[in-house]
Amino acid sequence: MASQSLKSSLTRIVSTIHGKGTGAIILIRLMVSFVFLSEGIQKFLYPDALGVGRFIKIGIPAPEIMAPFVGVVEIACGGLVLLGFLTRPAAVALIIDMLVAIVSTKIPILLERDFWSMAHEARTDWSMLLGSVFLLIVGAGSLVQTKKPKVLNPGLLCHPKRALIDLFL
């Protein structure tokens, strides 16, 4: 019963986005792409504060490998989102990036301080995570396509293999 209600709600949300949201999709693409491009570039411009040095400070394994890797992922995927090319696969990589960032940097704040301190520090992370999830669901929009954006069918969430095939085709 609850599953059917969730499916109905998701279908209603997705159909609303699909029918009227081309401009909104482009704005979300711009927001997500500029933040990730900027953050990726800064990992190389300021390695002590935002790249390897930061990864050492927060305890990421192999920081001298992972910081440049994450920087390249953020630049490449931010660029793909900006161009509207391979938006969904790029969104998957960015979702993983944000989940790792939240777990490794924001959860410790929650445990050491309080919810409001964590909420303040996590505002950009949550925005980028939800923006990336949005792009995973609706795709790039019509600015780079000649047909309507392909929307992930919420009913396929029960069938992960079919959902992945549908998502990338």
N, C-alpha and C. Protein backbone atom coordinates (compact mmCIF):
# COMPACT_ATOMS: atom_id res chain seq x y z
N MET A 1 0.82 -1.19 0.00
CA MET A 1 0.00 0.00 0.00
C MET A 1 0.87 1.26 0.00
N ALA A 2 1.84 1.31 0.92
CA ALA A 2 2.73 2.48 1.00
C ALA A 2 3.59 2.56 -0.26
N SER A 3 3.98 1.41 -0.80
CA SER A 3 4.79 1.37 -2.02
C SER A 3 4.01 1.97 -3.19
N GLN A 4 2.74 1.66 -3.29
CA GLN A 4 1.90 2.18 -4.37
C GLN A 4 1.72 3.70 -4.23
N SER A 5 1.56 4.17 -2.99
CA SER A 5 1.42 5.59 -2.74
C SER A 5 2.71 6.34 -3.10
N LEU A 6 3.86 5.78 -2.74
CA LEU A 6 5.14 6.39 -3.08
C LEU A 6 5.32 6.43 -4.59
N LYS A 7 4.98 5.32 -5.25
CA LYS A 7 5.09 5.25 -6.71
C LYS A 7 4.20 6.31 -7.36
N SER A 8 2.98 6.46 -6.86
CA SER A 8 2.04 7.45 -7.40
C SER A 8 2.58 8.86 -7.20
N SER A 9 3.12 9.14 -6.01
CA SER A 9 3.68 10.47 -5.73
C SER A 9 4.86 10.78 -6.63
N LEU A 10 5.76 9.81 -6.78
CA LEU A 10 6.92 10.00 -7.65
C LEU A 10 6.50 10.21 -9.10
N THR A 11 5.53 9.45 -9.55
CA THR A 11 5.04 9.59 -10.92
C THR A 11 4.47 10.98 -11.14
N ARG A 12 3.70 11.48 -10.18
CA ARG A 12 3.10 12.81 -10.28
C ARG A 12 4.19 13.89 -10.32
N ILE A 13 5.20 13.77 -9.46
CA ILE A 13 6.29 14.75 -9.44
C ILE A 13 7.06 14.73 -10.75
N VAL A 14 7.41 13.52 -11.21
CA VAL A 14 8.19 13.39 -12.44
C VAL A 14 7.41 13.89 -13.64
N SER A 15 6.10 13.61 -13.71
CA SER A 15 5.32 14.07 -14.86
C SER A 15 5.20 15.60 -14.85
N THR A 16 5.13 16.21 -13.68
CA THR A 16 5.09 17.67 -13.60
C THR A 16 6.40 18.26 -14.11
N ILE A 17 7.51 17.70 -13.66
CA ILE A 17 8.82 18.16 -14.10
C ILE A 17 8.95 17.97 -15.60
N HIS A 18 8.55 16.81 -16.08
CA HIS A 18 8.68 16.46 -17.50
C HIS A 18 7.87 17.41 -18.38
N GLY A 19 6.68 17.76 -17.93
CA GLY A 19 5.80 18.56 -18.77
C GLY A 19 6.15 20.04 -18.80
N LYS A 20 6.66 20.61 -17.73
CA LYS A 20 6.80 22.05 -17.66
C LYS A 20 8.19 22.52 -17.25
N GLY A 21 9.15 21.65 -17.07
CA GLY A 21 10.36 22.05 -16.38
C GLY A 21 11.61 22.25 -17.19
N THR A 22 11.53 22.45 -18.51
CA THR A 22 12.75 22.57 -19.29
C THR A 22 13.64 23.70 -18.80
N GLY A 23 13.07 24.86 -18.52
CA GLY A 23 13.86 25.98 -18.01
C GLY A 23 14.46 25.68 -16.65
N ALA A 24 13.69 25.02 -15.80
CA ALA A 24 14.18 24.65 -14.47
C ALA A 24 15.33 23.65 -14.59
N ILE A 25 15.22 22.72 -15.52
CA ILE A 25 16.29 21.74 -15.71
C ILE A 25 17.58 22.45 -16.08
N ILE A 26 17.50 23.43 -16.95
CA ILE A 26 18.69 24.16 -17.36
C ILE A 26 19.28 24.93 -16.18
N LEU A 27 18.45 25.54 -15.36
CA LEU A 27 18.95 26.24 -14.18
C LEU A 27 19.63 25.28 -13.20
N ILE A 28 19.04 24.13 -12.99
CA ILE A 28 19.65 23.13 -12.10
C ILE A 28 20.98 22.66 -12.69
N ARG A 29 21.02 22.44 -14.01
CA ARG A 29 22.29 22.06 -14.65
C ARG A 29 23.36 23.11 -14.43
N LEU A 30 22.99 24.38 -14.60
CA LEU A 30 23.96 25.47 -14.39
C LEU A 30 24.45 25.50 -12.95
N MET A 31 23.54 25.40 -12.01
CA MET A 31 23.91 25.42 -10.59
C MET A 31 24.88 24.29 -10.26
N VAL A 32 24.48 23.08 -10.63
CA VAL A 32 25.30 21.90 -10.31
C VAL A 32 26.65 21.97 -11.02
N SER A 33 26.64 22.30 -12.29
CA SER A 33 27.89 22.28 -13.06
C SER A 33 28.87 23.35 -12.56
N PHE A 34 28.40 24.56 -12.29
CA PHE A 34 29.33 25.61 -11.86
C PHE A 34 29.93 25.31 -10.48
N VAL A 35 29.15 24.77 -9.57
CA VAL A 35 29.70 24.44 -8.26
C VAL A 35 30.75 23.34 -8.39
N PHE A 36 30.43 22.27 -9.12
CA PHE A 36 31.40 21.18 -9.25
C PHE A 36 32.63 21.59 -10.05
N LEU A 37 32.45 22.33 -11.13
CA LEU A 37 33.63 22.82 -11.88
C LEU A 37 34.52 23.66 -10.97
N SER A 38 33.93 24.58 -10.25
CA SER A 38 34.69 25.45 -9.36
C SER A 38 35.42 24.66 -8.27
N GLU A 39 34.71 23.76 -7.61
CA GLU A 39 35.33 22.98 -6.54
C GLU A 39 36.43 22.05 -7.07
N GLY A 40 36.21 21.46 -8.23
CA GLY A 40 37.23 20.60 -8.82
C GLY A 40 38.49 21.37 -9.16
N ILE A 41 38.33 22.54 -9.77
CA ILE A 41 39.48 23.38 -10.12
C ILE A 41 40.24 23.82 -8.87
N GLN A 42 39.49 24.19 -7.82
CA GLN A 42 40.12 24.65 -6.59
C GLN A 42 40.93 23.57 -5.88
N LYS A 43 40.58 22.30 -6.10
CA LYS A 43 41.37 21.21 -5.51
C LYS A 43 42.80 21.23 -6.06
N PHE A 44 42.96 21.74 -7.28
CA PHE A 44 44.30 21.85 -7.88
C PHE A 44 44.94 23.20 -7.58
N LEU A 45 44.16 24.27 -7.53
CA LEU A 45 44.70 25.60 -7.25
C LEU A 45 45.16 25.75 -5.80
N TYR A 46 44.44 25.14 -4.88
CA TYR A 46 44.72 25.26 -3.45
C TYR A 46 44.81 23.87 -2.81
N PRO A 47 45.84 23.10 -3.19
CA PRO A 47 45.91 21.71 -2.73
C PRO A 47 46.02 21.56 -1.21
N ASP A 48 46.68 22.49 -0.53
CA ASP A 48 46.80 22.36 0.92
C ASP A 48 45.47 22.56 1.63
N ALA A 49 44.69 23.51 1.16
CA ALA A 49 43.42 23.82 1.83
C ALA A 49 42.27 22.96 1.33
N LEU A 50 42.23 22.66 0.03
CA LEU A 50 41.05 21.99 -0.55
C LEU A 50 41.35 20.67 -1.25
N GLY A 51 42.61 20.38 -1.47
CA GLY A 51 42.98 19.15 -2.19
C GLY A 51 43.59 18.13 -1.25
N VAL A 52 44.82 17.75 -1.52
CA VAL A 52 45.50 16.70 -0.75
C VAL A 52 45.52 17.03 0.74
N GLY A 53 45.85 18.28 1.09
CA GLY A 53 45.90 18.67 2.50
C GLY A 53 44.58 18.45 3.22
N ARG A 54 43.49 18.79 2.58
CA ARG A 54 42.16 18.59 3.18
C ARG A 54 41.84 17.10 3.29
N PHE A 55 42.20 16.33 2.27
CA PHE A 55 41.92 14.90 2.30
C PHE A 55 42.72 14.22 3.41
N ILE A 56 43.95 14.69 3.66
CA ILE A 56 44.74 14.16 4.78
C ILE A 56 44.04 14.49 6.08
N LYS A 57 43.61 15.73 6.23
CA LYS A 57 42.97 16.20 7.47
C LYS A 57 41.71 15.41 7.81
N ILE A 58 40.90 15.06 6.80
CA ILE A 58 39.65 14.35 7.09
C ILE A 58 39.80 12.83 7.05
N GLY A 59 41.02 12.36 6.75
CA GLY A 59 41.29 10.92 6.84
C GLY A 59 40.91 10.09 5.63
N ILE A 60 40.85 10.70 4.47
CA ILE A 60 40.57 9.93 3.24
C ILE A 60 41.81 9.10 2.91
N PRO A 61 41.66 7.81 2.65
CA PRO A 61 42.82 6.98 2.31
C PRO A 61 43.48 7.44 1.00
N ALA A 62 44.78 7.27 0.91
CA ALA A 62 45.58 7.63 -0.27
C ALA A 62 45.23 9.04 -0.76
N PRO A 63 45.37 10.05 0.09
CA PRO A 63 44.94 11.40 -0.28
C PRO A 63 45.66 11.97 -1.50
N GLU A 64 46.92 11.59 -1.71
CA GLU A 64 47.66 12.10 -2.86
C GLU A 64 47.14 11.54 -4.18
N ILE A 65 46.38 10.47 -4.12
CA ILE A 65 45.73 9.91 -5.32
C ILE A 65 44.26 10.35 -5.37
N MET A 66 43.59 10.27 -4.24
CA MET A 66 42.15 10.53 -4.21
C MET A 66 41.79 11.99 -4.46
N ALA A 67 42.57 12.94 -3.93
CA ALA A 67 42.23 14.35 -4.11
C ALA A 67 42.27 14.75 -5.59
N PRO A 68 43.36 14.43 -6.32
CA PRO A 68 43.34 14.75 -7.75
C PRO A 68 42.26 13.98 -8.51
N PHE A 69 42.03 12.72 -8.12
CA PHE A 69 40.98 11.93 -8.77
C PHE A 69 39.63 12.59 -8.60
N VAL A 70 39.30 12.99 -7.37
CA VAL A 70 38.01 13.65 -7.11
C VAL A 70 37.94 14.98 -7.86
N GLY A 71 39.06 15.72 -7.89
CA GLY A 71 39.09 16.97 -8.63
C GLY A 71 38.78 16.77 -10.11
N VAL A 72 39.39 15.75 -10.70
CA VAL A 72 39.14 15.45 -12.12
C VAL A 72 37.69 15.02 -12.33
N VAL A 73 37.17 14.19 -11.43
CA VAL A 73 35.76 13.77 -11.54
C VAL A 73 34.84 14.98 -11.48
N GLU A 74 35.09 15.88 -10.54
CA GLU A 74 34.23 17.06 -10.40
C GLU A 74 34.32 17.96 -11.62
N ILE A 75 35.51 18.14 -12.17
CA ILE A 75 35.67 18.97 -13.37
C ILE A 75 35.02 18.30 -14.57
N ALA A 76 35.32 17.03 -14.78
CA ALA A 76 34.79 16.31 -15.95
C ALA A 76 33.26 16.20 -15.88
N CYS A 77 32.75 15.76 -14.74
CA CYS A 77 31.30 15.58 -14.64
C CYS A 77 30.58 16.92 -14.60
N GLY A 78 31.17 17.93 -13.98
CA GLY A 78 30.59 19.27 -14.02
C GLY A 78 30.50 19.78 -15.45
N GLY A 79 31.55 19.53 -16.23
CA GLY A 79 31.54 19.92 -17.64
C GLY A 79 30.49 19.18 -18.45
N LEU A 80 30.37 17.87 -18.19
CA LEU A 80 29.36 17.07 -18.90
C LEU A 80 27.95 17.57 -18.58
N VAL A 81 27.70 17.87 -17.31
CA VAL A 81 26.39 18.40 -16.91
C VAL A 81 26.13 19.74 -17.59
N LEU A 82 27.15 20.60 -17.61
CA LEU A 82 27.00 21.91 -18.25
C LEU A 82 26.64 21.76 -19.73
N LEU A 83 27.32 20.83 -20.40
CA LEU A 83 27.06 20.61 -21.82
C LEU A 83 25.80 19.80 -22.08
N GLY A 84 25.29 19.13 -21.06
CA GLY A 84 24.12 18.28 -21.24
C GLY A 84 24.45 16.98 -21.95
N PHE A 85 25.69 16.55 -21.85
CA PHE A 85 26.14 15.33 -22.51
C PHE A 85 26.43 14.28 -21.44
N LEU A 86 25.86 13.11 -21.57
CA LEU A 86 26.01 12.04 -20.57
C LEU A 86 25.66 12.54 -19.17
N THR A 87 24.58 13.30 -19.10
CA THR A 87 24.19 13.93 -17.84
C THR A 87 23.89 12.91 -16.75
N ARG A 88 23.18 11.86 -17.09
CA ARG A 88 22.81 10.88 -16.05
C ARG A 88 24.03 10.14 -15.51
N PRO A 89 24.92 9.61 -16.34
CA PRO A 89 26.12 8.98 -15.76
C PRO A 89 26.95 9.97 -14.95
N ALA A 90 27.05 11.21 -15.41
CA ALA A 90 27.78 12.24 -14.66
C ALA A 90 27.10 12.47 -13.31
N ALA A 91 25.78 12.51 -13.30
CA ALA A 91 25.04 12.72 -12.06
C ALA A 91 25.29 11.58 -11.07
N VAL A 92 25.41 10.35 -11.56
CA VAL A 92 25.70 9.22 -10.68
C VAL A 92 27.05 9.44 -9.99
N ALA A 93 28.07 9.82 -10.75
CA ALA A 93 29.39 10.07 -10.17
C ALA A 93 29.34 11.20 -9.16
N LEU A 94 28.58 12.25 -9.45
CA LEU A 94 28.50 13.39 -8.54
C LEU A 94 27.70 13.04 -7.28
N ILE A 95 26.71 12.19 -7.40
CA ILE A 95 25.97 11.72 -6.23
C ILE A 95 26.91 10.96 -5.30
N ILE A 96 27.71 10.07 -5.87
CA ILE A 96 28.68 9.32 -5.06
C ILE A 96 29.66 10.29 -4.38
N ASP A 97 30.14 11.27 -5.14
CA ASP A 97 31.04 12.29 -4.61
C ASP A 97 30.42 12.99 -3.40
N MET A 98 29.17 13.38 -3.51
CA MET A 98 28.51 14.11 -2.43
C MET A 98 28.21 13.21 -1.23
N LEU A 99 27.85 11.97 -1.48
CA LEU A 99 27.60 11.06 -0.35
C LEU A 99 28.88 10.84 0.45
N VAL A 100 30.00 10.67 -0.24
CA VAL A 100 31.28 10.52 0.46
C VAL A 100 31.61 11.79 1.23
N ALA A 101 31.37 12.95 0.62
CA ALA A 101 31.65 14.22 1.29
C ALA A 101 30.80 14.38 2.56
N ILE A 102 29.54 14.03 2.46
CA ILE A 102 28.65 14.15 3.62
C ILE A 102 29.07 13.20 4.73
N VAL A 103 29.34 11.94 4.36
CA VAL A 103 29.72 10.95 5.37
C VAL A 103 31.06 11.31 6.02
N SER A 104 32.02 11.76 5.22
CA SER A 104 33.37 11.99 5.76
C SER A 104 33.55 13.34 6.43
N THR A 105 32.72 14.33 6.10
CA THR A 105 32.94 15.66 6.68
C THR A 105 31.76 16.18 7.49
N LYS A 106 30.57 15.82 7.15
CA LYS A 106 29.40 16.40 7.84
C LYS A 106 28.92 15.54 9.00
N ILE A 107 28.95 14.24 8.86
CA ILE A 107 28.55 13.36 9.97
C ILE A 107 29.45 13.57 11.18
N PRO A 108 30.79 13.70 10.99
CA PRO A 108 31.63 14.01 12.17
C PRO A 108 31.23 15.31 12.88
N ILE A 109 30.82 16.31 12.11
CA ILE A 109 30.36 17.57 12.73
C ILE A 109 29.12 17.30 13.58
N LEU A 110 28.22 16.50 13.04
CA LEU A 110 27.00 16.15 13.79
C LEU A 110 27.36 15.44 15.09
N LEU A 111 28.30 14.52 15.02
CA LEU A 111 28.67 13.74 16.21
C LEU A 111 29.47 14.56 17.22
N GLU A 112 30.30 15.49 16.73
CA GLU A 112 31.15 16.27 17.63
C GLU A 112 30.44 17.50 18.18
N ARG A 113 29.56 18.11 17.37
CA ARG A 113 28.90 19.35 17.81
C ARG A 113 27.41 19.10 17.94
N ASP A 114 26.63 19.61 16.98
CA ASP A 114 25.18 19.44 17.04
C ASP A 114 24.58 19.48 15.64
N PHE A 115 23.28 19.25 15.57
CA PHE A 115 22.59 19.19 14.29
C PHE A 115 22.71 20.50 13.52
N TRP A 116 22.52 21.64 14.20
CA TRP A 116 22.49 22.92 13.50
C TRP A 116 23.86 23.29 12.93
N SER A 117 24.91 22.93 13.61
CA SER A 117 26.26 23.16 13.07
C SER A 117 26.45 22.33 11.80
N MET A 118 26.02 21.08 11.85
CA MET A 118 26.13 20.21 10.68
C MET A 118 25.25 20.73 9.54
N ALA A 119 24.03 21.14 9.86
CA ALA A 119 23.11 21.63 8.83
C ALA A 119 23.69 22.86 8.13
N HIS A 120 24.32 23.74 8.89
CA HIS A 120 24.93 24.93 8.30
C HIS A 120 26.08 24.54 7.36
N GLU A 121 26.94 23.67 7.81
CA GLU A 121 28.10 23.26 7.01
C GLU A 121 27.70 22.43 5.79
N ALA A 122 26.56 21.75 5.86
CA ALA A 122 26.16 20.81 4.81
C ALA A 122 25.25 21.41 3.76
N ARG A 123 24.92 22.69 3.85
CA ARG A 123 23.91 23.26 2.96
C ARG A 123 24.28 23.11 1.49
N THR A 124 25.52 23.37 1.12
CA THR A 124 25.92 23.22 -0.28
C THR A 124 25.94 21.75 -0.67
N ASP A 125 26.43 20.89 0.23
CA ASP A 125 26.48 19.46 -0.07
C ASP A 125 25.08 18.90 -0.35
N TRP A 126 24.11 19.27 0.50
CA TRP A 126 22.74 18.79 0.28
C TRP A 126 22.17 19.35 -1.03
N SER A 127 22.46 20.60 -1.32
CA SER A 127 21.96 21.20 -2.57
C SER A 127 22.54 20.49 -3.79
N MET A 128 23.83 20.20 -3.74
CA MET A 128 24.47 19.50 -4.88
C MET A 128 23.99 18.06 -4.98
N LEU A 129 23.80 17.41 -3.83
CA LEU A 129 23.28 16.04 -3.84
C LEU A 129 21.89 16.01 -4.46
N LEU A 130 21.00 16.87 -3.99
CA LEU A 130 19.63 16.87 -4.51
C LEU A 130 19.56 17.36 -5.96
N GLY A 131 20.40 18.32 -6.32
CA GLY A 131 20.46 18.75 -7.72
C GLY A 131 20.92 17.62 -8.63
N SER A 132 21.90 16.84 -8.16
CA SER A 132 22.39 15.71 -8.95
C SER A 132 21.33 14.60 -9.05
N VAL A 133 20.61 14.36 -7.96
CA VAL A 133 19.52 13.37 -8.00
C VAL A 133 18.44 13.82 -8.98
N PHE A 134 18.11 15.10 -8.96
CA PHE A 134 17.15 15.66 -9.91
C PHE A 134 17.60 15.39 -11.34
N LEU A 135 18.87 15.65 -11.64
CA LEU A 135 19.38 15.44 -13.01
C LEU A 135 19.42 13.96 -13.36
N LEU A 136 19.66 13.10 -12.39
CA LEU A 136 19.60 11.66 -12.64
C LEU A 136 18.19 11.26 -13.05
N ILE A 137 17.19 11.82 -12.43
CA ILE A 137 15.80 11.48 -12.72
C ILE A 137 15.35 12.05 -14.07
N VAL A 138 15.60 13.34 -14.32
CA VAL A 138 15.01 13.97 -15.50
C VAL A 138 15.96 14.09 -16.69
N GLY A 139 17.26 13.94 -16.48
CA GLY A 139 18.20 14.08 -17.59
C GLY A 139 18.55 15.53 -17.86
N ALA A 140 19.08 15.79 -19.05
CA ALA A 140 19.66 17.10 -19.38
C ALA A 140 18.65 18.16 -19.79
N GLY A 141 17.46 17.78 -20.17
CA GLY A 141 16.50 18.76 -20.67
C GLY A 141 16.60 18.89 -22.17
N SER A 142 15.81 19.78 -22.73
CA SER A 142 15.70 19.85 -24.19
C SER A 142 16.70 20.79 -24.86
N LEU A 143 17.48 21.54 -24.10
CA LEU A 143 18.44 22.45 -24.71
C LEU A 143 19.46 21.70 -25.57
N VAL A 144 19.79 20.49 -25.18
CA VAL A 144 20.80 19.74 -25.93
C VAL A 144 20.21 18.54 -26.65
N GLN A 145 18.89 18.39 -26.59
CA GLN A 145 18.24 17.26 -27.23
C GLN A 145 17.19 17.78 -28.20
N THR A 146 16.85 16.97 -29.20
CA THR A 146 15.81 17.37 -30.13
C THR A 146 14.45 16.81 -29.73
N LYS A 147 14.42 15.97 -28.69
CA LYS A 147 13.15 15.42 -28.20
C LYS A 147 13.02 15.73 -26.72
N LYS A 148 11.85 15.42 -26.14
CA LYS A 148 11.62 15.65 -24.72
C LYS A 148 12.65 14.88 -23.90
N PRO A 149 13.01 15.41 -22.72
CA PRO A 149 13.95 14.68 -21.87
C PRO A 149 13.37 13.36 -21.43
N LYS A 150 14.21 12.35 -21.39
CA LYS A 150 13.79 11.03 -20.94
C LYS A 150 13.69 11.05 -19.42
N VAL A 151 12.60 10.55 -18.88
CA VAL A 151 12.38 10.56 -17.45
C VAL A 151 12.42 9.13 -16.94
N LEU A 152 13.14 8.93 -15.84
CA LEU A 152 13.21 7.62 -15.22
C LEU A 152 11.84 7.24 -14.69
N ASN A 153 11.35 6.09 -15.08
CA ASN A 153 10.07 5.58 -14.63
C ASN A 153 10.20 5.12 -13.18
N PRO A 154 9.50 5.75 -12.23
CA PRO A 154 9.63 5.36 -10.83
C PRO A 154 9.27 3.90 -10.58
N GLY A 155 8.43 3.31 -11.42
CA GLY A 155 8.07 1.91 -11.28
C GLY A 155 9.26 0.97 -11.46
N LEU A 156 10.28 1.44 -12.18
CA LEU A 156 11.47 0.61 -12.41
C LEU A 156 12.39 0.56 -11.20
N LEU A 157 12.13 1.38 -10.18
CA LEU A 157 12.99 1.37 -9.00
C LEU A 157 12.95 0.02 -8.30
N CYS A 158 11.89 -0.75 -8.53
CA CYS A 158 11.79 -2.10 -7.96
C CYS A 158 12.61 -3.10 -8.76
N HIS A 159 13.06 -2.72 -9.97
CA HIS A 159 13.83 -3.59 -10.84
C HIS A 159 15.12 -2.88 -11.23
N PRO A 160 16.16 -2.95 -10.38
CA PRO A 160 17.37 -2.14 -10.60
C PRO A 160 18.04 -2.38 -11.94
N LYS A 161 18.09 -3.63 -12.42
CA LYS A 161 18.75 -3.89 -13.71
C LYS A 161 18.00 -3.20 -14.84
N ARG A 162 16.68 -3.33 -14.87
CA ARG A 162 15.89 -2.67 -15.90
C ARG A 162 15.99 -1.16 -15.79
N ALA A 163 16.04 -0.65 -14.56
CA ALA A 163 16.15 0.80 -14.36
C ALA A 163 17.47 1.32 -14.92
N LEU A 164 18.56 0.60 -14.68
CA LEU A 164 19.86 1.02 -15.21
C LEU A 164 19.88 0.99 -16.73
N ILE A 165 19.31 -0.05 -17.31
CA ILE A 165 19.26 -0.14 -18.77
C ILE A 165 18.43 1.01 -19.33
N ASP A 166 17.26 1.25 -18.73
CA ASP A 166 16.38 2.34 -19.18
C ASP A 166 17.05 3.70 -18.98
N LEU A 167 17.80 3.84 -17.92
CA LEU A 167 18.42 5.10 -17.57
C LEU A 167 19.46 5.55 -18.60
N PHE A 168 20.26 4.61 -19.09
CA PHE A 168 21.38 4.97 -19.93
C PHE A 168 21.11 4.78 -21.42
N LEU A 169 19.95 4.30 -21.78
CA LEU A 169 19.62 4.14 -23.20
C LEU A 169 18.70 5.23 -23.69
